[in-house]
Amino acid sequence: LSRDIAAELSDDAAAIISSNNDAVPDDVAFGRWIANKYGA
């Protein structure tokens, strides 16, 4: 991860956790969040 994405992951941690209602593993939850936020 670059520092900017790591910082945003930290800032959005509560939202990422609350949206992980299907109990996917943490790396999958991060991937989904990054895909939605940064994916072209």
Full PDB file with SEQRES, HELIX, SHEET, SSBOND, CRYST1, ORIGX, SCALE, CONECT and MASTER records, all heavy atoms in Angstrom:
SEQRES   1 A   40  LEU SER ARG ASP ILE ALA ALA GLU LEU SER ASP ASP ALA          
SEQRES   2 A   40  ALA ALA ILE ILE SER SER ASN ASN ASP ALA VAL PRO ASP          
SEQRES   3 A   40  ASP VAL ALA PHE GLY ARG TRP ILE ALA ASN LYS TYR GLY          
SEQRES   4 A   40  ALA                                                          
HELIX    1 AA1 ARG A    3  ASP A   11  1                                   9    
HELIX    2 AA2 ALA A   13  SER A   18  1                                   6    
HELIX    3 AA3 ASP A   26  TYR A   38  1                                  13    
CRYST1    1.000    1.000    1.000  90.00  90.00  90.00 P 1           1          
ORIGX1      1.000000  0.000000  0.000000        0.00000                         
ORIGX2      0.000000  1.000000  0.000000        0.00000                         
ORIGX3      0.000000  0.000000  1.000000        0.00000                         
SCALE1      1.000000  0.000000  0.000000        0.00000                         
SCALE2      0.000000  1.000000  0.000000        0.00000                         
SCALE3      0.000000  0.000000  1.000000        0.00000                         
ATOM      1  N   LEU A   1       0.834  -1.207   0.000  1.00  0.00           N  
ATOM      2  CA  LEU A   1       0.000   0.000   0.000  1.00  0.00           C  
ATOM      3  C   LEU A   1       0.861   1.247   0.000  1.00  0.00           C  
ATOM      4  O   LEU A   1       1.884   1.295   0.681  1.00  0.00           O  
ATOM      5  CB  LEU A   1      -0.861   0.064   1.265  1.00  0.00           C  
ATOM      6  CG  LEU A   1      -1.941  -0.969   1.482  1.00  0.00           C  
ATOM      7  CD1 LEU A   1      -2.534  -0.816   2.872  1.00  0.00           C  
ATOM      8  CD2 LEU A   1      -3.026  -0.809   0.435  1.00  0.00           C  
ATOM      9  N   SER A   2       0.408   2.277  -0.708  1.00  0.00           N  
ATOM     10  CA  SER A   2       1.044   3.581  -0.560  1.00  0.00           C  
ATOM     11  C   SER A   2       0.487   4.244   0.700  1.00  0.00           C  
ATOM     12  O   SER A   2      -0.566   3.878   1.211  1.00  0.00           O  
ATOM     13  CB  SER A   2       0.789   4.454  -1.788  1.00  0.00           C  
ATOM     14  OG  SER A   2      -0.592   4.584  -2.038  1.00  0.00           O  
ATOM     15  N   ARG A   3       1.218   5.212   1.178  1.00  0.00           N  
ATOM     16  CA  ARG A   3       0.851   5.878   2.428  1.00  0.00           C  
ATOM     17  C   ARG A   3      -0.543   6.515   2.358  1.00  0.00           C  
ATOM     18  O   ARG A   3      -1.293   6.479   3.320  1.00  0.00           O  
ATOM     19  CB  ARG A   3       1.898   6.932   2.756  1.00  0.00           C  
ATOM     20  CG  ARG A   3       1.734   7.549   4.111  1.00  0.00           C  
ATOM     21  CD  ARG A   3       2.848   8.521   4.395  1.00  0.00           C  
ATOM     22  NE  ARG A   3       4.124   7.844   4.327  1.00  0.00           N  
ATOM     23  CZ  ARG A   3       5.025   7.847   5.281  1.00  0.00           C  
ATOM     24  NH1 ARG A   3       4.820   8.531   6.366  1.00  0.00           N  
ATOM     25  NH2 ARG A   3       6.145   7.194   5.150  1.00  0.00           N  
ATOM     26  N   ASP A   4      -0.909   7.102   1.217  1.00  0.00           N  
ATOM     27  CA  ASP A   4      -2.213   7.762   1.114  1.00  0.00           C  
ATOM     28  C   ASP A   4      -3.360   6.768   1.268  1.00  0.00           C  
ATOM     29  O   ASP A   4      -4.333   7.028   1.980  1.00  0.00           O  
ATOM     30  CB  ASP A   4      -2.333   8.551  -0.189  1.00  0.00           C  
ATOM     31  CG  ASP A   4      -2.227   7.679  -1.438  1.00  0.00           C  
ATOM     32  OD1 ASP A   4      -1.370   6.763  -1.457  1.00  0.00           O  
ATOM     33  OD2 ASP A   4      -2.982   7.916  -2.396  1.00  0.00           O  
ATOM     34  N   ILE A   5      -3.235   5.610   0.638  1.00  0.00           N  
ATOM     35  CA  ILE A   5      -4.302   4.606   0.751  1.00  0.00           C  
ATOM     36  C   ILE A   5      -4.322   4.016   2.155  1.00  0.00           C  
ATOM     37  O   ILE A   5      -5.397   3.813   2.736  1.00  0.00           O  
ATOM     38  CB  ILE A   5      -4.161   3.525  -0.333  1.00  0.00           C  
ATOM     39  CG1 ILE A   5      -4.436   4.142  -1.709  1.00  0.00           C  
ATOM     40  CG2 ILE A   5      -5.116   2.362  -0.075  1.00  0.00           C  
ATOM     41  CD1 ILE A   5      -4.371   3.180  -2.866  1.00  0.00           C  
ATOM     42  N   ALA A   6      -3.158   3.769   2.741  1.00  0.00           N  
ATOM     43  CA  ALA A   6      -3.114   3.258   4.116  1.00  0.00           C  
ATOM     44  C   ALA A   6      -3.782   4.242   5.076  1.00  0.00           C  
ATOM     45  O   ALA A   6      -4.544   3.829   5.958  1.00  0.00           O  
ATOM     46  CB  ALA A   6      -1.670   2.995   4.537  1.00  0.00           C  
ATOM     47  N   ALA A   7      -3.521   5.524   4.903  1.00  0.00           N  
ATOM     48  CA  ALA A   7      -4.128   6.533   5.780  1.00  0.00           C  
ATOM     49  C   ALA A   7      -5.641   6.573   5.601  1.00  0.00           C  
ATOM     50  O   ALA A   7      -6.394   6.660   6.584  1.00  0.00           O  
ATOM     51  CB  ALA A   7      -3.523   7.909   5.500  1.00  0.00           C  
ATOM     52  N   GLU A   8      -6.114   6.487   4.364  1.00  0.00           N  
ATOM     53  CA  GLU A   8      -7.566   6.498   4.138  1.00  0.00           C  
ATOM     54  C   GLU A   8      -8.228   5.232   4.667  1.00  0.00           C  
ATOM     55  O   GLU A   8      -9.353   5.286   5.171  1.00  0.00           O  
ATOM     56  CB  GLU A   8      -7.870   6.701   2.655  1.00  0.00           C  
ATOM     57  CG  GLU A   8      -7.606   8.125   2.219  1.00  0.00           C  
ATOM     58  CD  GLU A   8      -8.344   8.482   0.961  1.00  0.00           C  
ATOM     59  OE1 GLU A   8      -9.550   8.199   0.871  1.00  0.00           O  
ATOM     60  OE2 GLU A   8      -7.696   9.044   0.067  1.00  0.00           O  
ATOM     61  N   LEU A   9      -7.554   4.104   4.546  1.00  0.00           N  
ATOM     62  CA  LEU A   9      -8.082   2.876   5.150  1.00  0.00           C  
ATOM     63  C   LEU A   9      -8.267   3.073   6.648  1.00  0.00           C  
ATOM     64  O   LEU A   9      -9.300   2.688   7.213  1.00  0.00           O  
ATOM     65  CB  LEU A   9      -7.132   1.691   4.908  1.00  0.00           C  
ATOM     66  CG  LEU A   9      -7.263   0.943   3.607  1.00  0.00           C  
ATOM     67  CD1 LEU A   9      -6.084   0.000   3.416  1.00  0.00           C  
ATOM     68  CD2 LEU A   9      -8.562   0.177   3.547  1.00  0.00           C  
ATOM     69  N   SER A  10      -7.294   3.666   7.280  1.00  0.00           N  
ATOM     70  CA  SER A  10      -7.377   3.926   8.713  1.00  0.00           C  
ATOM     71  C   SER A  10      -8.514   4.884   9.028  1.00  0.00           C  
ATOM     72  O   SER A  10      -9.316   4.652   9.939  1.00  0.00           O  
ATOM     73  CB  SER A  10      -6.048   4.492   9.213  1.00  0.00           C  
ATOM     74  OG  SER A  10      -6.141   4.840  10.571  1.00  0.00           O  
ATOM     75  N   ASP A  11      -8.606   5.965   8.265  1.00  0.00           N  
ATOM     76  CA  ASP A  11      -9.665   6.961   8.496  1.00  0.00           C  
ATOM     77  C   ASP A  11     -11.054   6.374   8.299  1.00  0.00           C  
ATOM     78  O   ASP A  11     -12.005   6.758   8.972  1.00  0.00           O  
ATOM     79  CB  ASP A  11      -9.490   8.158   7.558  1.00  0.00           C  
ATOM     80  CG  ASP A  11      -8.260   8.988   7.868  1.00  0.00           C  
ATOM     81  OD1 ASP A  11      -7.699   8.852   8.986  1.00  0.00           O  
ATOM     82  OD2 ASP A  11      -7.847   9.771   6.984  1.00  0.00           O  
ATOM     83  N   ASP A  12     -11.195   5.450   7.355  1.00  0.00           N  
ATOM     84  CA  ASP A  12     -12.503   4.868   7.022  1.00  0.00           C  
ATOM     85  C   ASP A  12     -12.739   3.514   7.687  1.00  0.00           C  
ATOM     86  O   ASP A  12     -13.654   2.784   7.308  1.00  0.00           O  
ATOM     87  CB  ASP A  12     -12.632   4.707   5.503  1.00  0.00           C  
ATOM     88  CG  ASP A  12     -12.792   6.028   4.773  1.00  0.00           C  
ATOM     89  OD1 ASP A  12     -12.852   7.081   5.445  1.00  0.00           O  
ATOM     90  OD2 ASP A  12     -12.844   6.018   3.529  1.00  0.00           O  
ATOM     91  N   ALA A  13     -11.933   3.168   8.676  1.00  0.00           N  
ATOM     92  CA  ALA A  13     -12.007   1.835   9.286  1.00  0.00           C  
ATOM     93  C   ALA A  13     -13.401   1.495   9.787  1.00  0.00           C  
ATOM     94  O   ALA A  13     -13.899   0.392   9.542  1.00  0.00           O  
ATOM     95  CB  ALA A  13     -10.988   1.712  10.421  1.00  0.00           C  
ATOM     96  N   ALA A  14     -14.049   2.419  10.467  1.00  0.00           N  
ATOM     97  CA  ALA A  14     -15.385   2.134  11.011  1.00  0.00           C  
ATOM     98  C   ALA A  14     -16.373   1.822   9.892  1.00  0.00           C  
ATOM     99  O   ALA A  14     -17.174   0.881   9.995  1.00  0.00           O  
ATOM    100  CB  ALA A  14     -15.875   3.303  11.859  1.00  0.00           C  
ATOM    101  N   ALA A  15     -16.319   2.578   8.804  1.00  0.00           N  
ATOM    102  CA  ALA A  15     -17.228   2.339   7.676  1.00  0.00           C  
ATOM    103  C   ALA A  15     -16.920   1.012   6.995  1.00  0.00           C  
ATOM    104  O   ALA A  15     -17.843   0.289   6.595  1.00  0.00           O  
ATOM    105  CB  ALA A  15     -17.126   3.486   6.673  1.00  0.00           C  
ATOM    106  N   ILE A  16     -15.651   0.685   6.864  1.00  0.00           N  
ATOM    107  CA  ILE A  16     -15.268  -0.587   6.242  1.00  0.00           C  
ATOM    108  C   ILE A  16     -15.768  -1.749   7.081  1.00  0.00           C  
ATOM    109  O   ILE A  16     -16.345  -2.709   6.565  1.00  0.00           O  
ATOM    110  CB  ILE A  16     -13.741  -0.657   6.039  1.00  0.00           C  
ATOM    111  CG1 ILE A  16     -13.288   0.402   5.039  1.00  0.00           C  
ATOM    112  CG2 ILE A  16     -13.321  -2.045   5.568  1.00  0.00           C  
ATOM    113  CD1 ILE A  16     -11.781   0.606   4.991  1.00  0.00           C  
ATOM    114  N   ILE A  17     -15.583  -1.656   8.382  1.00  0.00           N  
ATOM    115  CA  ILE A  17     -16.025  -2.726   9.285  1.00  0.00           C  
ATOM    116  C   ILE A  17     -17.548  -2.856   9.259  1.00  0.00           C  
ATOM    117  O   ILE A  17     -18.086  -3.960   9.144  1.00  0.00           O  
ATOM    118  CB  ILE A  17     -15.507  -2.474  10.718  1.00  0.00           C  
ATOM    119  CG1 ILE A  17     -13.989  -2.640  10.749  1.00  0.00           C  
ATOM    120  CG2 ILE A  17     -16.171  -3.413  11.717  1.00  0.00           C  
ATOM    121  CD1 ILE A  17     -13.325  -2.126  12.002  1.00  0.00           C  
ATOM    122  N   SER A  18     -18.253  -1.746   9.317  1.00  0.00           N  
ATOM    123  CA  SER A  18     -19.723  -1.812   9.348  1.00  0.00           C  
ATOM    124  C   SER A  18     -20.304  -2.309   8.034  1.00  0.00           C  
ATOM    125  O   SER A  18     -21.378  -2.909   8.012  1.00  0.00           O  
ATOM    126  CB  SER A  18     -20.318  -0.454   9.718  1.00  0.00           C  
ATOM    127  OG  SER A  18     -20.088   0.482   8.688  1.00  0.00           O  
ATOM    128  N   SER A  19     -19.606  -2.077   6.922  1.00  0.00           N  
ATOM    129  CA  SER A  19     -20.121  -2.555   5.632  1.00  0.00           C  
ATOM    130  C   SER A  19     -19.735  -3.998   5.347  1.00  0.00           C  
ATOM    131  O   SER A  19     -20.151  -4.568   4.347  1.00  0.00           O  
ATOM    132  CB  SER A  19     -19.618  -1.656   4.499  1.00  0.00           C  
ATOM    133  OG  SER A  19     -18.230  -1.824   4.324  1.00  0.00           O  
ATOM    134  N   ASN A  20     -18.958  -4.612   6.232  1.00  0.00           N  
ATOM    135  CA  ASN A  20     -18.510  -5.985   6.040  1.00  0.00           C  
ATOM    136  C   ASN A  20     -19.498  -6.948   6.696  1.00  0.00           C  
ATOM    137  O   ASN A  20     -19.135  -7.792   7.487  1.00  0.00           O  
ATOM    138  CB  ASN A  20     -17.102  -6.153   6.627  1.00  0.00           C  
ATOM    139  CG  ASN A  20     -16.489  -7.485   6.270  1.00  0.00           C  
ATOM    140  OD1 ASN A  20     -16.871  -8.111   5.297  1.00  0.00           O  
ATOM    141  ND2 ASN A  20     -15.549  -7.933   7.066  1.00  0.00           N  
ATOM    142  N   ASN A  21     -20.768  -6.826   6.313  1.00  0.00           N  
ATOM    143  CA  ASN A  21     -21.797  -7.656   6.938  1.00  0.00           C  
ATOM    144  C   ASN A  21     -21.836  -9.091   6.410  1.00  0.00           C  
ATOM    145  O   ASN A  21     -22.516  -9.931   6.972  1.00  0.00           O  
ATOM    146  CB  ASN A  21     -23.175  -7.000   6.789  1.00  0.00           C  
ATOM    147  CG  ASN A  21     -23.515  -6.705   5.343  1.00  0.00           C  
ATOM    148  OD1 ASN A  21     -22.814  -7.116   4.433  1.00  0.00           O  
ATOM    149  ND2 ASN A  21     -24.591  -5.970   5.134  1.00  0.00           N  
ATOM    150  N   ASP A  22     -21.116  -9.368   5.342  1.00  0.00           N  
ATOM    151  CA  ASP A  22     -21.080 -10.747   4.847  1.00  0.00           C  
ATOM    152  C   ASP A  22     -19.868 -11.503   5.382  1.00  0.00           C  
ATOM    153  O   ASP A  22     -19.573 -12.604   4.942  1.00  0.00           O  
ATOM    154  CB  ASP A  22     -21.121 -10.794   3.323  1.00  0.00           C  
ATOM    155  CG  ASP A  22     -20.082  -9.894   2.661  1.00  0.00           C  
ATOM    156  OD1 ASP A  22     -19.324  -9.207   3.386  1.00  0.00           O  
ATOM    157  OD2 ASP A  22     -20.032  -9.867   1.427  1.00  0.00           O  
ATOM    158  N   ALA A  23     -19.174 -10.904   6.336  1.00  0.00           N  
ATOM    159  CA  ALA A  23     -18.076 -11.554   7.065  1.00  0.00           C  
ATOM    160  C   ALA A  23     -16.979 -12.085   6.140  1.00  0.00           C  
ATOM    161  O   ALA A  23     -16.433 -13.150   6.371  1.00  0.00           O  
ATOM    162  CB  ALA A  23     -18.604 -12.658   7.973  1.00  0.00           C  
ATOM    163  N   VAL A  24     -16.648 -11.326   5.093  1.00  0.00           N  
ATOM    164  CA  VAL A  24     -15.524 -11.730   4.247  1.00  0.00           C  
ATOM    165  C   VAL A  24     -14.234 -11.451   5.003  1.00  0.00           C  
ATOM    166  O   VAL A  24     -14.197 -10.629   5.927  1.00  0.00           O  
ATOM    167  CB  VAL A  24     -15.531 -10.979   2.894  1.00  0.00           C  
ATOM    168  CG1 VAL A  24     -16.749 -11.351   2.073  1.00  0.00           C  
ATOM    169  CG2 VAL A  24     -15.417  -9.485   3.069  1.00  0.00           C  
ATOM    170  N   PRO A  25     -13.139 -12.111   4.649  1.00  0.00           N  
ATOM    171  CA  PRO A  25     -11.856 -11.856   5.321  1.00  0.00           C  
ATOM    172  C   PRO A  25     -11.428 -10.395   5.173  1.00  0.00           C  
ATOM    173  O   PRO A  25     -11.868  -9.690   4.261  1.00  0.00           O  
ATOM    174  CB  PRO A  25     -10.880 -12.787   4.589  1.00  0.00           C  
ATOM    175  CG  PRO A  25     -11.746 -13.833   3.970  1.00  0.00           C  
ATOM    176  CD  PRO A  25     -13.047 -13.171   3.652  1.00  0.00           C  
ATOM    177  N   ASP A  26     -10.540  -9.956   6.059  1.00  0.00           N  
ATOM    178  CA  ASP A  26     -10.145  -8.548   6.069  1.00  0.00           C  
ATOM    179  C   ASP A  26      -9.523  -8.096   4.755  1.00  0.00           C  
ATOM    180  O   ASP A  26      -9.811  -7.000   4.276  1.00  0.00           O  
ATOM    181  CB  ASP A  26      -9.207  -8.250   7.241  1.00  0.00           C  
ATOM    182  CG  ASP A  26      -7.955  -9.129   7.259  1.00  0.00           C  
ATOM    183  OD1 ASP A  26      -7.883 -10.111   6.499  1.00  0.00           O  
ATOM    184  OD2 ASP A  26      -7.049  -8.821   8.047  1.00  0.00           O  
ATOM    185  N   ASP A  27      -8.691  -8.942   4.121  1.00  0.00           N  
ATOM    186  CA  ASP A  27      -8.077  -8.506   2.868  1.00  0.00           C  
ATOM    187  C   ASP A  27      -9.117  -8.332   1.768  1.00  0.00           C  
ATOM    188  O   ASP A  27      -8.997  -7.452   0.917  1.00  0.00           O  
ATOM    189  CB  ASP A  27      -6.940  -9.441   2.436  1.00  0.00           C  
ATOM    190  CG  ASP A  27      -7.296 -10.918   2.403  1.00  0.00           C  
ATOM    191  OD1 ASP A  27      -8.454 -11.279   2.713  1.00  0.00           O  
ATOM    192  OD2 ASP A  27      -6.406 -11.718   2.075  1.00  0.00           O  
ATOM    193  N   VAL A  28     -10.190  -9.122   1.808  1.00  0.00           N  
ATOM    194  CA  VAL A  28     -11.268  -8.979   0.832  1.00  0.00           C  
ATOM    195  C   VAL A  28     -12.067  -7.706   1.109  1.00  0.00           C  
ATOM    196  O   VAL A  28     -12.423  -6.968   0.180  1.00  0.00           O  
ATOM    197  CB  VAL A  28     -12.187 -10.223   0.836  1.00  0.00           C  
ATOM    198  CG1 VAL A  28     -13.372 -10.035  -0.097  1.00  0.00           C  
ATOM    199  CG2 VAL A  28     -11.386 -11.460   0.450  1.00  0.00           C  
ATOM    200  N   ALA A  29     -12.319  -7.407   2.385  1.00  0.00           N  
ATOM    201  CA  ALA A  29     -13.026  -6.170   2.736  1.00  0.00           C  
ATOM    202  C   ALA A  29     -12.228  -4.950   2.275  1.00  0.00           C  
ATOM    203  O   ALA A  29     -12.789  -3.997   1.721  1.00  0.00           O  
ATOM    204  CB  ALA A  29     -13.283  -6.113   4.236  1.00  0.00           C  
ATOM    205  N   PHE A  30     -10.901  -4.982   2.481  1.00  0.00           N  
ATOM    206  CA  PHE A  30     -10.053  -3.880   2.009  1.00  0.00           C  
ATOM    207  C   PHE A  30     -10.130  -3.775   0.487  1.00  0.00           C  
ATOM    208  O   PHE A  30     -10.231  -2.681  -0.066  1.00  0.00           O  
ATOM    209  CB  PHE A  30      -8.584  -4.098   2.386  1.00  0.00           C  
ATOM    210  CG  PHE A  30      -8.288  -4.045   3.848  1.00  0.00           C  
ATOM    211  CD1 PHE A  30      -7.092  -4.541   4.315  1.00  0.00           C  
ATOM    212  CD2 PHE A  30      -9.173  -3.504   4.767  1.00  0.00           C  
ATOM    213  CE1 PHE A  30      -6.772  -4.499   5.665  1.00  0.00           C  
ATOM    214  CE2 PHE A  30      -8.879  -3.463   6.120  1.00  0.00           C  
ATOM    215  CZ  PHE A  30      -7.678  -3.957   6.563  1.00  0.00           C  
ATOM    216  N   GLY A  31     -10.026  -4.915  -0.177  1.00  0.00           N  
ATOM    217  CA  GLY A  31     -10.046  -4.920  -1.639  1.00  0.00           C  
ATOM    218  C   GLY A  31     -11.326  -4.350  -2.201  1.00  0.00           C  
ATOM    219  O   GLY A  31     -11.300  -3.567  -3.151  1.00  0.00           O  
ATOM    220  N   ARG A  32     -12.454  -4.720  -1.618  1.00  0.00           N  
ATOM    221  CA  ARG A  32     -13.745  -4.201  -2.076  1.00  0.00           C  
ATOM    222  C   ARG A  32     -13.790  -2.687  -1.889  1.00  0.00           C  
ATOM    223  O   ARG A  32     -14.194  -1.951  -2.779  1.00  0.00           O  
ATOM    224  CB  ARG A  32     -14.880  -4.886  -1.315  1.00  0.00           C  
ATOM    225  CG  ARG A  32     -16.232  -4.375  -1.709  1.00  0.00           C  
ATOM    226  CD  ARG A  32     -17.383  -5.180  -1.151  1.00  0.00           C  
ATOM    227  NE  ARG A  32     -17.170  -5.616   0.204  1.00  0.00           N  
ATOM    228  CZ  ARG A  32     -17.716  -6.705   0.725  1.00  0.00           C  
ATOM    229  NH1 ARG A  32     -18.500  -7.468  -0.001  1.00  0.00           N  
ATOM    230  NH2 ARG A  32     -17.494  -7.037   1.975  1.00  0.00           N  
ATOM    231  N   TRP A  33     -13.344  -2.200  -0.717  1.00  0.00           N  
ATOM    232  CA  TRP A  33     -13.353  -0.768  -0.433  1.00  0.00           C  
ATOM    233  C   TRP A  33     -12.450  -0.027  -1.423  1.00  0.00           C  
ATOM    234  O   TRP A  33     -12.833   1.000  -1.987  1.00  0.00           O  
ATOM    235  CB  TRP A  33     -12.893  -0.534   1.006  1.00  0.00           C  
ATOM    236  CG  TRP A  33     -12.809   0.902   1.402  1.00  0.00           C  
ATOM    237  CD1 TRP A  33     -13.827   1.681   1.868  1.00  0.00           C  
ATOM    238  CD2 TRP A  33     -11.654   1.742   1.372  1.00  0.00           C  
ATOM    239  NE1 TRP A  33     -13.369   2.949   2.131  1.00  0.00           N  
ATOM    240  CE2 TRP A  33     -12.033   3.014   1.837  1.00  0.00           C  
ATOM    241  CE3 TRP A  33     -10.327   1.533   1.003  1.00  0.00           C  
ATOM    242  CZ2 TRP A  33     -11.145   4.069   1.933  1.00  0.00           C  
ATOM    243  CZ3 TRP A  33      -9.431   2.592   1.092  1.00  0.00           C  
ATOM    244  CH2 TRP A  33      -9.849   3.837   1.560  1.00  0.00           C  
ATOM    245  N   ILE A  34     -11.250  -0.561  -1.656  1.00  0.00           N  
ATOM    246  CA  ILE A  34     -10.309   0.087  -2.571  1.00  0.00           C  
ATOM    247  C   ILE A  34     -10.845   0.057  -4.002  1.00  0.00           C  
ATOM    248  O   ILE A  34     -10.740   1.046  -4.735  1.00  0.00           O  
ATOM    249  CB  ILE A  34      -8.916  -0.566  -2.464  1.00  0.00           C  
ATOM    250  CG1 ILE A  34      -8.294  -0.176  -1.110  1.00  0.00           C  
ATOM    251  CG2 ILE A  34      -8.016  -0.161  -3.618  1.00  0.00           C  
ATOM    252  CD1 ILE A  34      -7.055  -0.947  -0.746  1.00  0.00           C  
ATOM    253  N   ALA A  35     -11.453  -1.050  -4.406  1.00  0.00           N  
ATOM    254  CA  ALA A  35     -12.021  -1.135  -5.751  1.00  0.00           C  
ATOM    255  C   ALA A  35     -13.113  -0.087  -5.943  1.00  0.00           C  
ATOM    256  O   ALA A  35     -13.161   0.583  -6.978  1.00  0.00           O  
ATOM    257  CB  ALA A  35     -12.581  -2.532  -5.997  1.00  0.00           C  
ATOM    258  N   ASN A  36     -13.982   0.058  -4.951  1.00  0.00           N  
ATOM    259  CA  ASN A  36     -15.062   1.045  -5.055  1.00  0.00           C  
ATOM    260  C   ASN A  36     -14.541   2.476  -5.028  1.00  0.00           C  
ATOM    261  O   ASN A  36     -15.063   3.345  -5.707  1.00  0.00           O  
ATOM    262  CB  ASN A  36     -16.079   0.844  -3.926  1.00  0.00           C  
ATOM    263  CG  ASN A  36     -16.971  -0.339  -4.186  1.00  0.00           C  
ATOM    264  OD1 ASN A  36     -17.426  -0.547  -5.298  1.00  0.00           O  
ATOM    265  ND2 ASN A  36     -17.217  -1.124  -3.158  1.00  0.00           N  
ATOM    266  N   LYS A  37     -13.502   2.719  -4.237  1.00  0.00           N  
ATOM    267  CA  LYS A  37     -13.007   4.090  -4.059  1.00  0.00           C  
ATOM    268  C   LYS A  37     -11.988   4.492  -5.124  1.00  0.00           C  
ATOM    269  O   LYS A  37     -11.978   5.631  -5.573  1.00  0.00           O  
ATOM    270  CB  LYS A  37     -12.396   4.233  -2.672  1.00  0.00           C  
ATOM    271  CG  LYS A  37     -11.987   5.647  -2.359  1.00  0.00           C  
ATOM    272  CD  LYS A  37     -12.010   5.900  -0.886  1.00  0.00           C  
ATOM    273  CE  LYS A  37     -11.772   7.364  -0.642  1.00  0.00           C  
ATOM    274  NZ  LYS A  37     -12.232   7.796   0.634  1.00  0.00           N  
ATOM    275  N   TYR A  38     -11.105   3.585  -5.514  1.00  0.00           N  
ATOM    276  CA  TYR A  38      -9.990   3.939  -6.388  1.00  0.00           C  
ATOM    277  C   TYR A  38     -10.012   3.277  -7.759  1.00  0.00           C  
ATOM    278  O   TYR A  38      -9.270   3.699  -8.638  1.00  0.00           O  
ATOM    279  CB  TYR A  38      -8.658   3.552  -5.726  1.00  0.00           C  
ATOM    280  CG  TYR A  38      -8.302   4.402  -4.550  1.00  0.00           C  
ATOM    281  CD1 TYR A  38      -8.560   3.959  -3.261  1.00  0.00           C  
ATOM    282  CD2 TYR A  38      -7.702   5.638  -4.709  1.00  0.00           C  
ATOM    283  CE1 TYR A  38      -8.226   4.732  -2.167  1.00  0.00           C  
ATOM    284  CE2 TYR A  38      -7.374   6.419  -3.626  1.00  0.00           C  
ATOM    285  CZ  TYR A  38      -7.631   5.962  -2.357  1.00  0.00           C  
ATOM    286  OH  TYR A  38      -7.316   6.721  -1.276  1.00  0.00           O  
ATOM    287  N   GLY A  39     -10.783   2.242  -7.923  1.00  0.00           N  
ATOM    288  CA  GLY A  39     -10.751   1.508  -9.180  1.00  0.00           C  
ATOM    289  C   GLY A  39     -11.206   2.358 -10.345  1.00  0.00           C  
ATOM    290  O   GLY A  39     -12.185   3.086 -10.252  1.00  0.00           O  
ATOM    291  N   ALA A  40     -10.480   2.278 -11.452  1.00  0.00           N  
ATOM    292  CA  ALA A  40     -10.845   3.009 -12.655  1.00  0.00           C  
ATOM    293  C   ALA A  40     -12.028   2.343 -13.362  1.00  0.00           C  
ATOM    294  O   ALA A  40     -12.590   2.911 -14.282  1.00  0.00           O  
ATOM    295  CB  ALA A  40      -9.643   3.100 -13.591  1.00  0.00           C  
TER     296      ALA A  40                                                      
MASTER        0    0    0    3    0    0    0    6  295    1    0    4          
END                                                                             
